[in-house]
């Protein structure tokens, strides 16, 4: 990131699907009427992010970070700024075998990572299990955790009989039915767990359930300790596993990259949801320090230690009347029709769960105004069905280089969304709407990243006069699969930070799944114990 920015990147220009800059003429219709062109210009103005709005966003995000780090309950902000209790940095030379468990929706992932050192070499074995429908609800959470324990037991049996010496991930779908128990093994393996449920974490290996999501319902789980529940059931099953940490998704992304790139200081997940973790000086985390004082451990806190913080930035821009984000009428429609109205606004403007829905709202509006000529009143038409215009359709339309026919865009509209016959002008308008919505999302993400970078640099975290710089790790299918997203984010980031900082920052897409990062968290937990870093 060495290009010197001269100004904030107001999106009055756009990039093609490979991220190459192009002029304003790219928003002019090759086919279409003056009325259609006027509509395109109007929506372009609505989706435009001005210099002033970017200034407001960056300044507002930094203020929200400060609020979230403070111990001021009456001034609760958009960002939770949750301490991960993970301190220090991996070097890439650590060795050992560690386990990770992730529950994501109805899927269970169990992973073994063998760290080989030598600058970040590792070997991975991973299996995927599906949670049966009859285990998603009940009076006692133990029935689900027992099944999870069976999955871990099955995984250990499979891994003990297979080789895991390659440096690539082997991910398989497995079943726990009719499997023999694992062979005796006296080794007790450290494990970190990453859950798709709301947890209030109070220590590296302590946290209580706040709520269950994704259709799970067990009344007896709320308020209970996560690690105690799992460890008790694992011991009852005779598993040679010790749970040493609870791992957050963005923390896992950061550490998955950091083992092979030790200069990594920021980790970002951007997919159907979004989150960011970064390193913060413990001395700046006032609410953490207050908690330590209350628990009698304040004397052992090392203020100059760096700890990973989970920003929970999905909720940025949600407080009414603050105006950090440039919402428009389509954003308000998406929010008002969502099942979590009024929260997670940044997520609703930038992620895979919602980007396609923003485009769909725009297209329905243009159909109703007769700007788009195709019909949507057929019973089979799906364009008026909420969330049917999938975000992946945006990738297809934006990458459609067949300007004579825009055949891929036609397929999305006529065959996937079941609209009536489309014209060349219709397809061209839809393609441009996808570009505008995708460009804005990338700019907003780039601006948030710039805010975190500025916060860190101003506080001497990760970058100093003797530093060669630091890396930013990003994971998520939206970020990886949307062809233009990465270059647009990087362009915005470069434009919002000083040149002497941008030349020292690299942005990398995480190679391994974030569950690998959970295994690294388990390693870091051991490393912290060995270094006698007392944080509890």
Protein backbone atom coordinates (compact mmCIF):
# COMPACT_ATOMS: atom_id res chain seq x y z
CA UNK A 1 0.00 0.00 0.00
CA UNK A 2 2.52 2.57 -1.15
CA UNK A 3 0.46 4.86 -3.36
CA UNK A 4 0.14 8.33 -1.88
CA UNK A 5 -3.48 9.47 -1.54
CA UNK A 6 -4.27 13.07 -2.34
CA UNK A 7 -7.85 13.19 -1.11
CA UNK A 8 -10.67 11.11 0.27
CA UNK A 9 -11.99 8.73 -2.42
CA UNK A 10 -15.45 10.19 -2.99
CA UNK A 11 -17.20 7.65 -5.16
CA UNK A 12 -17.97 9.89 -8.09
CA UNK A 13 -15.82 7.48 -10.04
CA UNK A 14 -16.04 3.72 -9.99
CA UNK A 15 -13.95 0.65 -10.62
CA UNK A 16 -14.59 -2.28 -12.88
CA UNK A 17 -14.99 -5.83 -11.54
CA UNK A 18 -11.18 -6.16 -11.32
CA UNK A 19 -10.91 -2.98 -9.28
CA UNK A 20 -9.49 -0.81 -12.09
CA UNK A 21 -10.41 2.85 -11.94
CA UNK A 22 -12.69 4.21 -14.60
CA UNK A 23 -14.29 7.54 -15.36
CA UNK A 24 -17.72 9.00 -14.76
CA UNK A 25 -18.73 7.92 -18.25
CA UNK A 26 -18.96 4.35 -16.94
CA UNK A 27 -22.25 5.37 -15.30
CA UNK A 28 -23.70 6.58 -18.60
CA UNK A 29 -26.03 4.11 -20.28
CA UNK A 30 -25.00 2.81 -23.68
CA UNK A 31 -28.59 1.76 -24.18
CA UNK A 32 -31.59 3.41 -22.62
CA UNK A 33 -33.72 6.52 -22.56
CA UNK A 34 -33.06 9.93 -20.97
CA UNK A 35 -35.57 8.96 -18.27
CA UNK A 36 -33.55 5.85 -17.44
CA UNK A 37 -30.30 7.82 -17.38
CA UNK A 38 -31.85 10.36 -15.02
CA UNK A 39 -32.89 7.55 -12.68
CA UNK A 40 -29.37 6.11 -12.74
CA UNK A 41 -27.93 9.54 -11.86
CA UNK A 42 -30.42 9.97 -9.03
CA UNK A 43 -29.58 6.63 -7.40
CA UNK A 44 -25.88 7.25 -7.93
CA UNK A 45 -26.25 10.43 -5.90
CA UNK A 46 -28.18 8.55 -3.20
CA UNK A 47 -25.45 5.91 -2.89
CA UNK A 48 -22.56 8.35 -3.12
CA UNK A 49 -20.33 8.72 -0.06
CA UNK A 50 -19.01 12.27 0.11
CA UNK A 51 -15.73 13.49 1.57
CA UNK A 52 -17.63 15.04 4.44
CA UNK A 53 -19.44 11.78 5.18
CA UNK A 54 -16.15 9.87 5.20
CA UNK A 55 -14.68 12.42 7.62
CA UNK A 56 -17.74 11.98 9.82
CA UNK A 57 -17.50 8.20 9.69
CA UNK A 58 -13.80 8.00 10.56
CA UNK A 59 -14.09 10.54 13.38
CA UNK A 60 -17.26 8.92 14.70
CA UNK A 61 -15.78 5.42 14.68
CA UNK A 62 -12.72 6.54 16.65
CA UNK A 63 -15.00 8.19 19.22
CA UNK A 64 -17.08 5.02 19.48
CA UNK A 65 -13.90 3.01 20.08
CA UNK A 66 -12.94 5.29 22.95
CA UNK A 67 -16.43 5.05 24.43
CA UNK A 68 -16.42 1.28 24.16
CA UNK A 69 -13.06 1.00 25.91
CA UNK A 70 -14.18 3.22 28.79
CA UNK A 71 -15.95 2.04 31.90
CA UNK A 72 -18.86 4.48 31.53
CA UNK A 73 -22.13 2.56 31.60
CA UNK A 74 -24.28 5.64 31.06
CA UNK A 75 -22.53 6.37 27.74
CA UNK A 76 -22.98 3.03 26.06
CA UNK A 77 -21.95 3.31 22.41
CA UNK A 78 -22.28 1.27 19.26
CA UNK A 79 -19.08 -0.73 19.82
CA UNK A 80 -18.87 -3.29 22.62
CA UNK A 81 -15.03 -3.47 22.48
CA UNK A 82 -14.89 -6.87 24.18
CA UNK A 83 -11.56 -7.96 25.72
CA UNK A 84 -10.47 -11.36 24.40
CA UNK A 85 -8.02 -11.99 27.26
CA UNK A 86 -5.50 -13.09 24.60
CA UNK A 87 -2.22 -11.23 25.08
CA UNK A 88 1.06 -11.35 23.23
CA UNK A 89 1.87 -12.43 19.68
CA UNK A 90 2.58 -15.75 17.96
CA UNK A 91 6.02 -15.96 16.38
CA UNK A 92 5.51 -18.78 13.92
CA UNK A 93 8.12 -20.86 15.73
CA UNK A 94 5.80 -22.43 18.31
CA UNK A 95 5.28 -26.18 18.11
CA UNK A 96 2.60 -28.52 19.41
CA UNK A 97 -0.73 -30.16 18.63
CA UNK A 98 -3.93 -28.28 19.47
CA UNK A 99 -7.65 -28.79 18.98
CA UNK A 100 -10.42 -26.40 18.04
CA UNK A 101 -14.20 -26.71 18.14
CA UNK A 102 -16.59 -24.42 16.30
CA UNK A 103 -20.40 -24.48 16.37
CA UNK A 104 -21.73 -22.39 13.50
CA UNK A 105 -25.45 -22.60 12.79
CA UNK A 106 -26.34 -26.28 12.49
CA UNK A 107 -22.74 -27.32 11.77
CA UNK A 108 -20.03 -28.53 14.13
CA UNK A 109 -16.41 -28.29 13.04
CA UNK A 110 -13.64 -30.12 14.88
CA UNK A 111 -10.06 -29.37 13.92
CA UNK A 112 -6.61 -30.57 14.91
CA UNK A 113 -3.68 -28.30 14.07
CA UNK A 114 -0.09 -29.45 14.34
CA UNK A 115 2.16 -26.43 14.66
CA UNK A 116 5.59 -27.23 13.26
CA UNK A 117 7.32 -23.90 13.75
CA UNK A 118 9.89 -23.05 11.09
CA UNK A 119 8.24 -19.73 10.32
CA UNK A 120 4.61 -20.83 10.43
CA UNK A 121 4.46 -24.35 9.04
CA UNK A 122 1.42 -26.32 10.12
CA UNK A 123 -0.70 -29.37 9.28
CA UNK A 124 -4.48 -29.52 9.58
CA UNK A 125 -7.11 -32.20 9.98
CA UNK A 126 -10.71 -31.03 10.06
CA UNK A 127 -14.11 -32.72 10.04
CA UNK A 128 -17.61 -31.30 9.79
CA UNK A 129 -20.68 -32.72 11.55
CA UNK A 130 -24.33 -31.70 11.24
CA UNK A 131 -26.53 -31.18 14.30
CA UNK A 132 -29.74 -33.26 14.00
CA UNK A 133 -33.01 -31.32 14.15
CA UNK A 134 -34.13 -33.09 17.31
CA UNK A 135 -31.10 -31.76 19.19
CA UNK A 136 -31.79 -28.08 18.53
CA UNK A 137 -34.27 -27.65 21.41
CA UNK A 138 -35.19 -29.23 24.72
CA UNK A 139 -35.20 -28.82 28.47
CA UNK A 140 -31.52 -29.58 28.99
CA UNK A 141 -28.56 -28.36 26.91
CA UNK A 142 -26.68 -31.50 27.93
CA UNK A 143 -28.27 -33.48 25.08
CA UNK A 144 -26.63 -31.15 22.57
CA UNK A 145 -23.28 -31.01 24.35
CA UNK A 146 -23.24 -34.81 24.63
CA UNK A 147 -23.64 -34.97 20.86
CA UNK A 148 -20.81 -32.46 20.45
CA UNK A 149 -18.68 -34.65 22.72
CA UNK A 150 -19.50 -37.65 20.52
CA UNK A 151 -18.34 -35.65 17.50
CA UNK A 152 -15.05 -34.79 19.20
CA UNK A 153 -14.62 -38.45 20.21
CA UNK A 154 -15.29 -39.58 16.64
CA UNK A 155 -12.85 -36.98 15.33
CA UNK A 156 -10.08 -38.14 17.65
CA UNK A 157 -10.65 -41.74 16.55
CA UNK A 158 -10.44 -40.75 12.88
CA UNK A 159 -7.36 -38.57 13.31
CA UNK A 160 -5.49 -41.16 15.35
CA UNK A 161 -5.76 -43.55 12.42
CA UNK A 162 -4.84 -41.09 9.68
CA UNK A 163 -1.87 -39.04 8.63
CA UNK A 164 -1.93 -35.28 9.08
CA UNK A 165 1.50 -34.40 7.78
CA UNK A 166 0.44 -32.24 4.86
CA UNK A 167 0.34 -28.47 5.03
CA UNK A 168 -3.11 -28.20 3.48
CA UNK A 169 -6.52 -28.40 5.10
CA UNK A 170 -8.46 -31.65 4.83
CA UNK A 171 -12.11 -30.89 5.55
CA UNK A 172 -14.56 -33.76 5.54
CA UNK A 173 -18.15 -34.36 6.47
CA UNK A 174 -18.49 -37.14 9.01
CA UNK A 175 -21.11 -39.04 10.97
CA UNK A 176 -20.96 -40.24 14.56
CA UNK A 177 -23.18 -43.28 13.99
CA UNK A 178 -21.78 -46.78 14.67
CA UNK A 179 -18.27 -45.58 15.41
CA UNK A 180 -15.91 -47.21 17.87
CA UNK A 181 -14.53 -45.13 20.75
CA UNK A 182 -11.10 -43.57 20.27
CA UNK A 183 -8.08 -45.67 21.19
CA UNK A 184 -6.47 -44.97 24.56
CA UNK A 185 -4.24 -41.91 24.52
CA UNK A 186 -2.68 -40.46 27.62
CA UNK A 187 -2.01 -37.08 25.99
CA UNK A 188 -4.39 -34.33 27.08
CA UNK A 189 -4.90 -31.89 24.24
CA UNK A 190 -5.63 -28.20 24.75
CA UNK A 191 -8.73 -26.97 22.93
CA UNK A 192 -10.30 -23.60 22.21
CA UNK A 193 -14.00 -23.33 21.39
CA UNK A 194 -15.74 -20.82 19.13
CA UNK A 195 -19.52 -20.65 19.44
CA UNK A 196 -22.17 -18.99 17.31
CA UNK A 197 -24.07 -18.02 20.46
CA UNK A 198 -24.02 -14.81 22.49
CA UNK A 199 -21.50 -15.22 25.32
CA UNK A 200 -20.41 -12.72 27.98
CA UNK A 201 -16.71 -13.51 28.31
CA UNK A 202 -15.09 -12.74 31.67
CA UNK A 203 -11.79 -14.54 31.20
CA UNK A 204 -9.79 -16.45 28.62
CA UNK A 205 -11.53 -19.65 29.69
CA UNK A 206 -14.60 -18.12 31.38
CA UNK A 207 -17.87 -16.87 29.96
CA UNK A 208 -21.61 -17.25 30.40
CA UNK A 209 -24.34 -17.81 27.83
CA UNK A 210 -26.43 -14.69 27.17
CA UNK A 211 -28.67 -16.04 24.43
CA UNK A 212 -28.96 -18.85 21.88
CA UNK A 213 -29.46 -18.16 18.20
CA UNK A 214 -30.06 -19.98 14.89
CA UNK A 215 -33.18 -21.76 16.15
CA UNK A 216 -31.65 -23.31 19.26
CA UNK A 217 -33.73 -23.27 22.43
CA UNK A 218 -32.60 -24.65 25.79
CA UNK A 219 -34.02 -22.64 28.72
CA UNK A 220 -31.54 -24.00 31.24
CA UNK A 221 -28.43 -22.68 29.48
CA UNK A 222 -28.78 -18.91 30.00
CA UNK A 223 -26.34 -17.64 32.62
CA UNK A 224 -24.35 -20.86 32.80
CA UNK A 225 -20.60 -21.04 32.30
CA UNK A 226 -19.62 -22.17 28.80
CA UNK A 227 -16.38 -23.94 29.64
CA UNK A 228 -17.79 -25.72 32.70
CA UNK A 229 -20.70 -27.11 30.67
CA UNK A 230 -18.52 -28.48 27.89
CA UNK A 231 -15.65 -29.64 30.09
CA UNK A 232 -18.00 -31.55 32.40
CA UNK A 233 -19.65 -33.42 29.55
CA UNK A 234 -16.29 -34.06 27.84
CA UNK A 235 -14.90 -35.57 31.03
CA UNK A 236 -18.00 -37.72 31.43
CA UNK A 237 -17.32 -39.10 27.95
CA UNK A 238 -13.68 -39.78 28.83
CA UNK A 239 -12.24 -37.34 26.31
CA UNK A 240 -8.59 -36.41 26.66
CA UNK A 241 -9.34 -32.72 26.08
CA UNK A 242 -8.85 -29.64 28.23
CA UNK A 243 -10.71 -26.49 27.18
CA UNK A 244 -8.33 -23.59 27.71
CA UNK A 245 -10.02 -20.72 25.85
CA UNK A 246 -13.19 -19.30 24.34
CA UNK A 247 -12.39 -17.85 20.92
CA UNK A 248 -14.11 -15.05 18.99
CA UNK A 249 -14.39 -15.27 15.18
CA UNK A 250 -12.39 -12.14 14.43
CA UNK A 251 -9.77 -13.04 17.04
CA UNK A 252 -9.42 -16.41 15.31
CA UNK A 253 -8.99 -14.71 11.94
CA UNK A 254 -6.25 -12.47 13.33
CA UNK A 255 -4.31 -15.35 14.89
CA UNK A 256 -4.82 -17.75 11.96
CA UNK A 257 -2.92 -15.23 9.84
CA UNK A 258 -0.48 -14.18 12.56
CA UNK A 259 1.10 -17.61 13.00
CA UNK A 260 2.44 -17.39 9.45
CA UNK A 261 2.65 -13.59 9.39
CA UNK A 262 3.72 -12.52 12.91
CA UNK A 263 3.34 -8.82 12.14
CA UNK A 264 -0.47 -9.22 11.90
CA UNK A 265 -2.21 -6.78 14.23
CA UNK A 266 -5.80 -6.59 12.87
CA UNK A 267 -8.18 -9.42 11.98
CA UNK A 268 -11.47 -8.91 10.13
CA UNK A 269 -14.34 -11.24 9.27
CA UNK A 270 -16.51 -9.97 6.43
CA UNK A 271 -19.08 -12.40 5.13
CA UNK A 272 -22.79 -12.66 5.97
CA UNK A 273 -21.79 -10.77 9.12
CA UNK A 274 -18.78 -8.67 10.00
CA UNK A 275 -16.42 -8.06 12.90
CA UNK A 276 -12.95 -6.72 13.60
CA UNK A 277 -10.34 -7.53 16.24
CA UNK A 278 -7.13 -5.63 16.89
CA UNK A 279 -4.39 -5.25 19.49
CA UNK A 280 -4.90 -2.62 22.20
CA UNK A 281 -2.73 -1.58 25.15
CA UNK A 282 -4.19 -3.04 28.33
CA UNK A 283 -3.67 0.35 29.98
CA UNK A 284 -6.21 1.84 27.54
CA UNK A 285 -8.96 -0.68 28.34
CA UNK A 286 -10.52 1.12 31.29
CA UNK A 287 -13.48 -1.20 31.72
CA UNK A 288 -11.15 -4.21 31.81
CA UNK A 289 -8.98 -2.53 34.44
CA UNK A 290 -12.06 -1.72 36.53
CA UNK A 291 -13.17 -5.34 36.32
CA UNK A 292 -9.75 -6.53 37.46
CA UNK A 293 -9.88 -4.18 40.43
CA UNK A 294 -13.32 -5.48 41.40
CA UNK A 295 -12.06 -9.06 41.25
CA UNK A 296 -8.92 -8.24 43.23
CA UNK A 297 -6.50 -8.90 40.38
CA UNK A 298 -5.61 -5.33 39.49
CA UNK A 299 -2.14 -5.50 41.02
CA UNK A 300 -1.10 -8.20 38.54
CA UNK A 301 -2.18 -6.35 35.40
CA UNK A 302 0.66 -5.30 33.10
CA UNK A 303 -0.53 -2.04 31.58
CA UNK A 304 1.93 -2.07 28.67
CA UNK A 305 0.81 -5.53 27.51
CA UNK A 306 -1.06 -5.75 24.20
CA UNK A 307 -4.42 -7.56 24.29
CA UNK A 308 -6.71 -8.44 21.39
CA UNK A 309 -10.02 -6.55 21.47
CA UNK A 310 -13.13 -7.58 19.54
CA UNK A 311 -14.80 -4.35 18.38
CA UNK A 312 -18.15 -5.97 17.42
CA UNK A 313 -18.34 -3.29 14.73
CA UNK A 314 -21.39 -4.86 13.07
CA UNK A 315 -23.46 -2.52 15.26
CA UNK A 316 -21.66 0.68 14.25
CA UNK A 317 -24.02 3.45 13.18
CA UNK A 318 -27.00 2.08 15.09
CA UNK A 319 -27.59 4.83 17.66
CA UNK A 320 -30.41 7.10 16.58
CA UNK A 321 -29.60 10.74 15.91
CA UNK A 322 -25.83 10.25 15.67
CA UNK A 323 -25.56 9.87 11.89
CA UNK A 324 -22.18 8.13 11.57
CA UNK A 325 -23.28 6.23 8.45
CA UNK A 326 -24.81 7.68 5.25
CA UNK A 327 -28.11 5.79 5.28
CA UNK A 328 -30.64 6.35 2.50
CA UNK A 329 -34.23 5.31 1.91
CA UNK A 330 -33.23 1.86 0.67
CA UNK A 331 -31.13 1.24 3.79
CA UNK A 332 -34.06 2.26 5.96
CA UNK A 333 -36.32 -0.15 4.05
CA UNK A 334 -33.90 -3.03 4.60
CA UNK A 335 -33.62 -2.17 8.29
CA UNK A 336 -37.35 -1.74 8.88
CA UNK A 337 -38.15 -5.07 7.21
CA UNK A 338 -35.40 -7.00 9.03
CA UNK A 339 -35.92 -9.18 12.10
CA UNK A 340 -33.48 -7.04 14.13
CA UNK A 341 -34.67 -3.52 13.36
CA UNK A 342 -32.54 -0.64 14.57
CA UNK A 343 -29.32 -2.54 15.23
CA UNK A 344 -26.35 -3.87 13.22
CA UNK A 345 -26.61 -1.00 10.73
CA UNK A 346 -23.03 -1.27 9.46
CA UNK A 347 -23.60 -4.97 8.86
CA UNK A 348 -26.80 -4.18 6.92
CA UNK A 349 -24.97 -1.75 4.63
CA UNK A 350 -21.90 -3.86 3.83
CA UNK A 351 -22.26 -7.63 4.23
CA UNK A 352 -23.37 -10.62 2.21
CA UNK A 353 -26.54 -11.05 4.22
CA UNK A 354 -27.88 -7.68 3.05
CA UNK A 355 -26.09 -6.33 -0.06
CA UNK A 356 -28.26 -8.32 -2.45
CA UNK A 357 -31.36 -7.18 -0.57
CA UNK A 358 -30.34 -3.52 -1.00
CA UNK A 359 -30.03 -4.12 -4.75
CA UNK A 360 -33.40 -5.91 -4.78
CA UNK A 361 -35.10 -2.96 -3.05
CA UNK A 362 -33.64 -0.62 -5.67
CA UNK A 363 -34.74 -2.83 -8.56
CA UNK A 364 -38.28 -3.16 -7.23
CA UNK A 365 -38.44 0.63 -6.91
CA UNK A 366 -37.22 1.04 -10.50
CA UNK A 367 -39.79 -1.48 -11.75
CA UNK A 368 -42.59 0.32 -9.91
CA UNK A 369 -41.44 3.61 -11.47
CA UNK A 370 -41.34 1.94 -14.90
CA UNK A 371 -37.63 2.67 -15.27
CA UNK A 372 -37.04 -1.06 -15.74
CA UNK A 373 -39.30 -2.53 -18.41
CA UNK A 374 -39.55 -6.18 -17.38
CA UNK A 375 -42.59 -7.63 -15.63
CA UNK A 376 -42.63 -8.86 -12.03
CA UNK A 377 -46.33 -9.67 -11.59
CA UNK A 378 -46.07 -13.31 -12.65
CA UNK A 379 -46.75 -15.78 -9.82
CA UNK A 380 -43.36 -17.40 -10.41
CA UNK A 381 -41.43 -14.12 -10.24
CA UNK A 382 -39.11 -14.01 -7.23
CA UNK A 383 -37.79 -10.46 -7.43
CA UNK A 384 -40.44 -9.22 -5.01
CA UNK A 385 -39.53 -11.94 -2.53
CA UNK A 386 -37.32 -10.50 0.23
CA UNK A 387 -33.70 -11.66 0.10
CA UNK A 388 -34.15 -13.62 -3.11
CA UNK A 389 -31.67 -11.43 -5.01
CA UNK A 390 -28.65 -13.12 -3.46
CA UNK A 391 -25.45 -11.15 -2.96
CA UNK A 392 -23.67 -13.68 -5.17
CA UNK A 393 -25.82 -12.44 -8.07
CA UNK A 394 -24.03 -9.11 -7.69
CA UNK A 395 -20.70 -10.79 -8.41
CA UNK A 396 -22.10 -12.29 -11.59
CA UNK A 397 -23.68 -9.10 -12.87
CA UNK A 398 -20.71 -6.89 -12.09
CA UNK A 399 -18.26 -9.30 -13.74
CA UNK A 400 -20.40 -9.59 -16.88
CA UNK A 401 -18.14 -8.22 -19.63
CA UNK A 402 -20.37 -9.25 -22.52
CA UNK A 403 -21.46 -5.69 -23.28
CA UNK A 404 -23.24 -6.73 -26.48
CA UNK A 405 -25.70 -8.96 -24.66
CA UNK A 406 -24.91 -9.00 -20.90
CA UNK A 407 -25.93 -12.65 -21.01
CA UNK A 408 -24.92 -13.50 -17.45
CA UNK A 409 -27.02 -10.62 -16.15
CA UNK A 410 -29.93 -11.85 -18.25
CA UNK A 411 -29.60 -15.30 -16.67
CA UNK A 412 -29.67 -13.82 -13.17
CA UNK A 413 -32.81 -11.81 -13.92
CA UNK A 414 -34.83 -14.08 -16.18
CA UNK A 415 -33.77 -17.54 -14.97
CA UNK A 416 -32.83 -16.99 -11.32
CA UNK A 417 -35.29 -14.24 -10.39
CA UNK A 418 -37.94 -15.32 -12.92
CA UNK A 419 -38.71 -11.81 -14.17
CA UNK A 420 -40.19 -11.21 -17.59
CA UNK A 421 -38.16 -10.65 -20.74
CA UNK A 422 -35.43 -8.05 -20.23
CA UNK A 423 -33.97 -5.48 -22.59
CA UNK A 424 -30.31 -4.58 -22.98
CA UNK A 425 -31.01 -1.33 -21.13
CA UNK A 426 -32.60 -3.26 -18.24
CA UNK A 427 -29.53 -5.45 -17.87
CA UNK A 428 -27.18 -2.51 -18.08
CA UNK A 429 -29.07 -0.69 -15.31
CA UNK A 430 -29.05 -3.78 -13.07
CA UNK A 431 -25.31 -4.23 -13.60
CA UNK A 432 -24.68 -0.60 -12.63
CA UNK A 433 -26.85 -0.86 -9.52
CA UNK A 434 -24.77 -3.83 -8.37
CA UNK A 435 -21.60 -1.83 -8.97
CA UNK A 436 -22.85 1.16 -7.00
CA UNK A 437 -24.00 -0.87 -3.99
CA UNK A 438 -20.81 -2.95 -3.98
CA UNK A 439 -18.59 0.12 -4.32
CA UNK A 440 -20.28 1.85 -1.38
CA UNK A 441 -19.98 -1.25 0.83
CA UNK A 442 -16.25 -1.55 0.11
CA UNK A 443 -15.72 2.14 0.84
CA UNK A 444 -17.51 1.92 4.18
CA UNK A 445 -15.47 -1.15 5.15
CA UNK A 446 -12.24 0.55 4.08
CA UNK A 447 -13.15 3.61 6.15
CA UNK A 448 -13.80 1.50 9.25
CA UNK A 449 -10.44 -0.23 8.82
CA UNK A 450 -8.76 3.16 8.43
CA UNK A 451 -10.35 4.28 11.70
CA UNK A 452 -8.89 1.29 13.55
CA UNK A 453 -5.47 1.83 11.96
CA UNK A 454 -5.46 5.51 12.96
CA UNK A 455 -6.51 4.65 16.51
CA UNK A 456 -3.64 2.16 16.82
CA UNK A 457 -0.99 4.38 15.27
CA UNK A 458 -1.94 7.36 17.41
CA UNK A 459 -1.47 5.18 20.50
CA UNK A 460 1.77 3.58 19.40
CA UNK A 461 0.31 0.12 18.84
CA UNK A 462 1.79 -2.06 16.13
CA UNK A 463 3.69 0.71 14.41
CA UNK A 464 6.65 2.74 15.65
CA UNK A 465 9.85 4.24 14.29
CA UNK A 466 11.64 0.91 14.44
CA UNK A 467 8.76 -1.09 13.00
CA UNK A 468 8.67 -2.49 9.49
CA UNK A 469 4.89 -2.23 9.59
CA UNK A 470 2.00 -4.54 10.29
CA UNK A 471 -0.46 -6.77 8.45
CA UNK A 472 -4.26 -6.77 8.33
CA UNK A 473 -5.91 -10.18 7.91
CA UNK A 474 -9.37 -10.51 6.35
CA UNK A 475 -11.52 -13.63 5.97
CA UNK A 476 -15.00 -14.30 4.59
CA UNK A 477 -16.52 -15.50 1.34
CA UNK A 478 -17.88 -12.08 0.41
CA UNK A 479 -14.46 -10.51 0.70
CA UNK A 480 -12.72 -13.36 -1.13
CA UNK A 481 -15.28 -14.10 -3.84
CA UNK A 482 -16.47 -10.62 -4.82
CA UNK A 483 -13.82 -9.80 -7.47
CA UNK A 484 -13.78 -6.03 -7.02
CA UNK A 485 -14.17 -5.87 -3.24
CA UNK A 486 -10.54 -6.22 -2.14
CA UNK A 487 -9.04 -3.55 -4.44
CA UNK A 488 -11.84 -1.12 -3.57
CA UNK A 489 -11.30 -1.60 0.17
CA UNK A 490 -7.53 -1.13 -0.20
CA UNK A 491 -7.98 1.98 -2.32
CA UNK A 492 -10.21 3.57 0.30
CA UNK A 493 -7.89 2.59 3.14
CA UNK A 494 -4.89 4.15 1.37
CA UNK A 495 -6.80 7.37 0.84
CA UNK A 496 -7.73 7.73 4.51
CA UNK A 497 -4.39 7.22 6.24
CA UNK A 498 -1.09 9.11 5.95
CA UNK A 499 1.43 7.97 3.34
CA UNK A 500 4.07 7.06 5.93
CA UNK A 501 1.54 4.69 7.49
CA UNK A 502 0.07 3.25 4.27
CA UNK A 503 3.51 2.24 3.00
CA UNK A 504 3.98 0.07 6.10
CA UNK A 505 0.67 -1.77 5.96
CA UNK A 506 -0.28 -4.90 4.03
CA UNK A 507 -3.73 -6.43 3.66
CA UNK A 508 -3.95 -10.19 3.28
CA UNK A 509 -6.81 -12.62 2.76
CA UNK A 510 -6.64 -15.42 5.33
CA UNK A 511 -5.58 -18.69 3.71
CA UNK A 512 -6.96 -21.06 6.33
CA UNK A 513 -10.41 -21.17 7.90
CA UNK A 514 -10.81 -19.24 11.11
CA UNK A 515 -11.16 -22.44 13.14
CA UNK A 516 -7.40 -22.82 12.64
CA UNK A 517 -7.13 -19.54 14.52
CA UNK A 518 -9.05 -21.09 17.41
CA UNK A 519 -6.33 -23.73 17.68
CA UNK A 520 -3.76 -20.92 17.71
CA UNK A 521 -5.75 -19.35 20.58
CA UNK A 522 -5.33 -22.63 22.49
CA UNK A 523 -1.59 -22.44 21.84
CA UNK A 524 -1.50 -18.81 22.99
CA UNK A 525 -3.33 -19.78 26.19
CA UNK A 526 -0.58 -22.27 26.97
CA UNK A 527 2.07 -19.74 26.02
CA UNK A 528 0.57 -17.14 28.37
CA UNK A 529 0.62 -19.66 31.21
CA UNK A 530 4.23 -20.54 30.51
CA UNK A 531 5.21 -16.89 30.54
CA UNK A 532 3.35 -16.41 33.83
CA UNK A 533 1.26 -13.58 32.42
CA UNK A 534 -1.43 -13.26 35.08
CA UNK A 535 -4.47 -11.60 33.54
CA UNK A 536 -7.26 -13.10 35.64
